[in-house]
Amino acid sequence: MSYRGASSSAYGDAAKSHAAITHVAIYLGDGKLLQTYSKDSGGVRIDTIEGTTWEKRFLFGGSAL
């Protein structure tokens, strides 16, 4: 969903079932995401989801297996 700030309270009233998807990443397991950004901010990279705004903004996930 859209970025609302770094605090958890900024996402407390978010209606996840109606939120727009603004970023897509691949969950690698063990709390890691494979995602892309602009070349200036690192391009393709692996980041930790826990304790980040990605954790607060996560809408849903699934498995290809």
N, C-alpha and C. Protein backbone atom coordinates (compact mmCIF):
# COMPACT_ATOMS: atom_id res chain seq x y z
N MET A 1 0.84 -1.18 0.00
CA MET A 1 0.00 0.00 0.00
C MET A 1 0.88 1.24 0.00
N SER A 2 0.31 2.35 -0.23
CA SER A 2 1.07 3.59 -0.29
C SER A 2 1.76 3.89 1.03
N TYR A 3 2.90 4.55 0.93
CA TYR A 3 3.70 4.91 2.10
C TYR A 3 2.98 5.98 2.91
N ARG A 4 2.85 5.76 4.22
CA ARG A 4 2.19 6.71 5.12
C ARG A 4 3.13 7.19 6.22
N GLY A 5 4.36 6.78 6.20
CA GLY A 5 5.31 7.14 7.24
C GLY A 5 5.90 5.90 7.87
N ALA A 6 6.83 6.11 8.78
CA ALA A 6 7.58 5.00 9.36
C ALA A 6 6.94 4.39 10.61
N SER A 7 5.96 5.05 11.21
CA SER A 7 5.39 4.53 12.45
C SER A 7 4.27 3.53 12.19
N SER A 8 4.15 2.56 13.07
CA SER A 8 3.08 1.55 12.96
C SER A 8 1.71 2.19 13.01
N SER A 9 1.55 3.23 13.81
CA SER A 9 0.25 3.88 13.95
C SER A 9 -0.24 4.49 12.64
N ALA A 10 0.65 4.80 11.73
CA ALA A 10 0.26 5.37 10.44
C ALA A 10 -0.51 4.37 9.59
N TYR A 11 -0.42 3.07 9.92
CA TYR A 11 -1.07 2.02 9.13
C TYR A 11 -2.18 1.32 9.90
N GLY A 12 -2.45 1.76 11.13
CA GLY A 12 -3.44 1.09 11.98
C GLY A 12 -4.84 1.07 11.41
N ASP A 13 -5.24 2.11 10.71
CA ASP A 13 -6.60 2.18 10.17
C ASP A 13 -6.67 1.81 8.69
N ALA A 14 -5.60 1.30 8.15
CA ALA A 14 -5.55 0.97 6.72
C ALA A 14 -6.47 -0.19 6.40
N ALA A 15 -7.31 -0.01 5.41
CA ALA A 15 -8.20 -1.08 4.95
C ALA A 15 -7.46 -1.87 3.89
N LYS A 16 -6.77 -2.91 4.32
CA LYS A 16 -5.90 -3.66 3.41
C LYS A 16 -6.68 -4.28 2.25
N SER A 17 -7.93 -4.61 2.45
CA SER A 17 -8.71 -5.22 1.37
C SER A 17 -9.03 -4.23 0.25
N HIS A 18 -8.85 -2.93 0.51
CA HIS A 18 -9.13 -1.90 -0.49
C HIS A 18 -7.88 -1.12 -0.91
N ALA A 19 -6.73 -1.48 -0.37
CA ALA A 19 -5.49 -0.75 -0.66
C ALA A 19 -4.95 -1.10 -2.04
N ALA A 20 -4.35 -0.14 -2.68
CA ALA A 20 -3.73 -0.35 -3.98
C ALA A 20 -2.32 -0.94 -3.79
N ILE A 21 -1.96 -1.84 -4.67
CA ILE A 21 -0.60 -2.40 -4.65
C ILE A 21 0.32 -1.41 -5.32
N THR A 22 1.36 -0.98 -4.59
CA THR A 22 2.27 0.03 -5.12
C THR A 22 3.69 -0.50 -5.32
N HIS A 23 3.94 -1.74 -4.88
CA HIS A 23 5.28 -2.33 -5.01
C HIS A 23 5.12 -3.84 -4.95
N VAL A 24 5.93 -4.55 -5.73
CA VAL A 24 5.90 -6.00 -5.72
C VAL A 24 7.30 -6.50 -5.43
N ALA A 25 7.40 -7.50 -4.57
CA ALA A 25 8.68 -8.11 -4.23
C ALA A 25 8.49 -9.61 -4.14
N ILE A 26 9.57 -10.34 -4.14
CA ILE A 26 9.54 -11.79 -3.99
C ILE A 26 10.07 -12.13 -2.61
N TYR A 27 9.27 -12.86 -1.83
CA TYR A 27 9.69 -13.29 -0.50
C TYR A 27 10.60 -14.50 -0.66
N LEU A 28 11.80 -14.40 -0.12
CA LEU A 28 12.79 -15.47 -0.26
C LEU A 28 12.77 -16.44 0.92
N GLY A 29 12.04 -16.09 1.97
CA GLY A 29 12.05 -16.89 3.19
C GLY A 29 13.00 -16.26 4.19
N ASP A 30 12.92 -16.71 5.43
CA ASP A 30 13.79 -16.21 6.49
C ASP A 30 13.75 -14.68 6.62
N GLY A 31 12.58 -14.08 6.34
CA GLY A 31 12.42 -12.64 6.50
C GLY A 31 13.08 -11.78 5.43
N LYS A 32 13.45 -12.36 4.31
CA LYS A 32 14.16 -11.62 3.25
C LYS A 32 13.27 -11.41 2.03
N LEU A 33 13.40 -10.22 1.41
CA LEU A 33 12.71 -9.87 0.18
C LEU A 33 13.70 -9.60 -0.93
N LEU A 34 13.37 -10.04 -2.12
CA LEU A 34 14.12 -9.68 -3.32
C LEU A 34 13.29 -8.63 -4.01
N GLN A 35 13.85 -7.45 -4.23
CA GLN A 35 13.10 -6.36 -4.83
C GLN A 35 14.02 -5.45 -5.63
N THR A 36 13.42 -4.59 -6.40
CA THR A 36 14.19 -3.66 -7.22
C THR A 36 13.85 -2.22 -6.85
N TYR A 37 14.82 -1.38 -7.04
CA TYR A 37 14.67 0.06 -6.83
C TYR A 37 15.38 0.76 -7.98
N SER A 38 15.44 2.04 -7.91
CA SER A 38 16.19 2.78 -8.91
C SER A 38 17.67 2.43 -8.79
N LYS A 39 18.40 2.66 -9.83
CA LYS A 39 19.83 2.41 -9.82
C LYS A 39 20.51 3.21 -8.71
N ASP A 40 20.02 4.43 -8.45
CA ASP A 40 20.61 5.29 -7.42
C ASP A 40 20.46 4.72 -6.01
N SER A 41 19.40 3.94 -5.77
CA SER A 41 19.19 3.40 -4.43
C SER A 41 19.55 1.93 -4.31
N GLY A 42 20.28 1.42 -5.27
CA GLY A 42 20.80 0.06 -5.14
C GLY A 42 20.34 -0.94 -6.17
N GLY A 43 19.43 -0.59 -7.05
CA GLY A 43 18.98 -1.53 -8.08
C GLY A 43 18.32 -2.76 -7.46
N VAL A 44 18.64 -3.94 -7.98
CA VAL A 44 18.11 -5.19 -7.43
C VAL A 44 18.84 -5.48 -6.13
N ARG A 45 18.07 -5.78 -5.08
CA ARG A 45 18.72 -6.04 -3.80
C ARG A 45 17.87 -6.95 -2.93
N ILE A 46 18.49 -7.49 -1.91
CA ILE A 46 17.81 -8.32 -0.92
C ILE A 46 17.75 -7.53 0.38
N ASP A 47 16.54 -7.38 0.92
CA ASP A 47 16.32 -6.62 2.15
C ASP A 47 15.57 -7.47 3.16
N THR A 48 15.70 -7.12 4.42
CA THR A 48 14.95 -7.74 5.49
C THR A 48 13.62 -7.03 5.63
N ILE A 49 12.54 -7.78 5.78
CA ILE A 49 11.21 -7.18 5.91
C ILE A 49 10.91 -6.79 7.36
N GLU A 50 11.39 -7.56 8.31
CA GLU A 50 11.07 -7.33 9.72
C GLU A 50 11.60 -5.99 10.22
N GLY A 51 10.72 -5.24 10.88
CA GLY A 51 11.10 -3.96 11.46
C GLY A 51 11.21 -2.83 10.46
N THR A 52 10.70 -3.01 9.24
CA THR A 52 10.75 -1.97 8.21
C THR A 52 9.34 -1.53 7.84
N THR A 53 9.24 -0.49 7.05
CA THR A 53 7.90 -0.07 6.60
C THR A 53 7.29 -1.12 5.69
N TRP A 54 8.10 -1.97 5.05
CA TRP A 54 7.53 -3.04 4.21
C TRP A 54 6.69 -3.98 5.06
N GLU A 55 7.10 -4.24 6.28
CA GLU A 55 6.35 -5.10 7.18
C GLU A 55 4.97 -4.48 7.47
N LYS A 56 4.92 -3.20 7.66
CA LYS A 56 3.66 -2.50 7.96
C LYS A 56 2.76 -2.39 6.73
N ARG A 57 3.36 -2.34 5.55
CA ARG A 57 2.61 -2.12 4.32
C ARG A 57 2.24 -3.41 3.59
N PHE A 58 2.68 -4.54 4.12
CA PHE A 58 2.44 -5.82 3.47
C PHE A 58 0.95 -6.10 3.33
N LEU A 59 0.48 -6.43 2.12
CA LEU A 59 -0.93 -6.69 1.89
C LEU A 59 -1.24 -8.18 1.88
N PHE A 60 -0.55 -8.94 1.06
CA PHE A 60 -0.78 -10.38 1.02
C PHE A 60 0.36 -11.06 0.29
N GLY A 61 0.43 -12.35 0.46
CA GLY A 61 1.46 -13.15 -0.20
C GLY A 61 0.91 -14.51 -0.54
N GLY A 62 1.67 -15.24 -1.29
CA GLY A 62 1.26 -16.57 -1.69
C GLY A 62 2.46 -17.41 -2.05
N SER A 63 2.20 -18.58 -2.50
CA SER A 63 3.27 -19.51 -2.85
C SER A 63 3.04 -20.03 -4.27
N ALA A 64 4.12 -20.13 -5.00
CA ALA A 64 4.04 -20.68 -6.35
C ALA A 64 4.12 -22.21 -6.31
N LEU A 65 4.40 -22.76 -5.14
CA LEU A 65 4.53 -24.22 -5.00
C LEU A 65 3.24 -24.86 -4.58
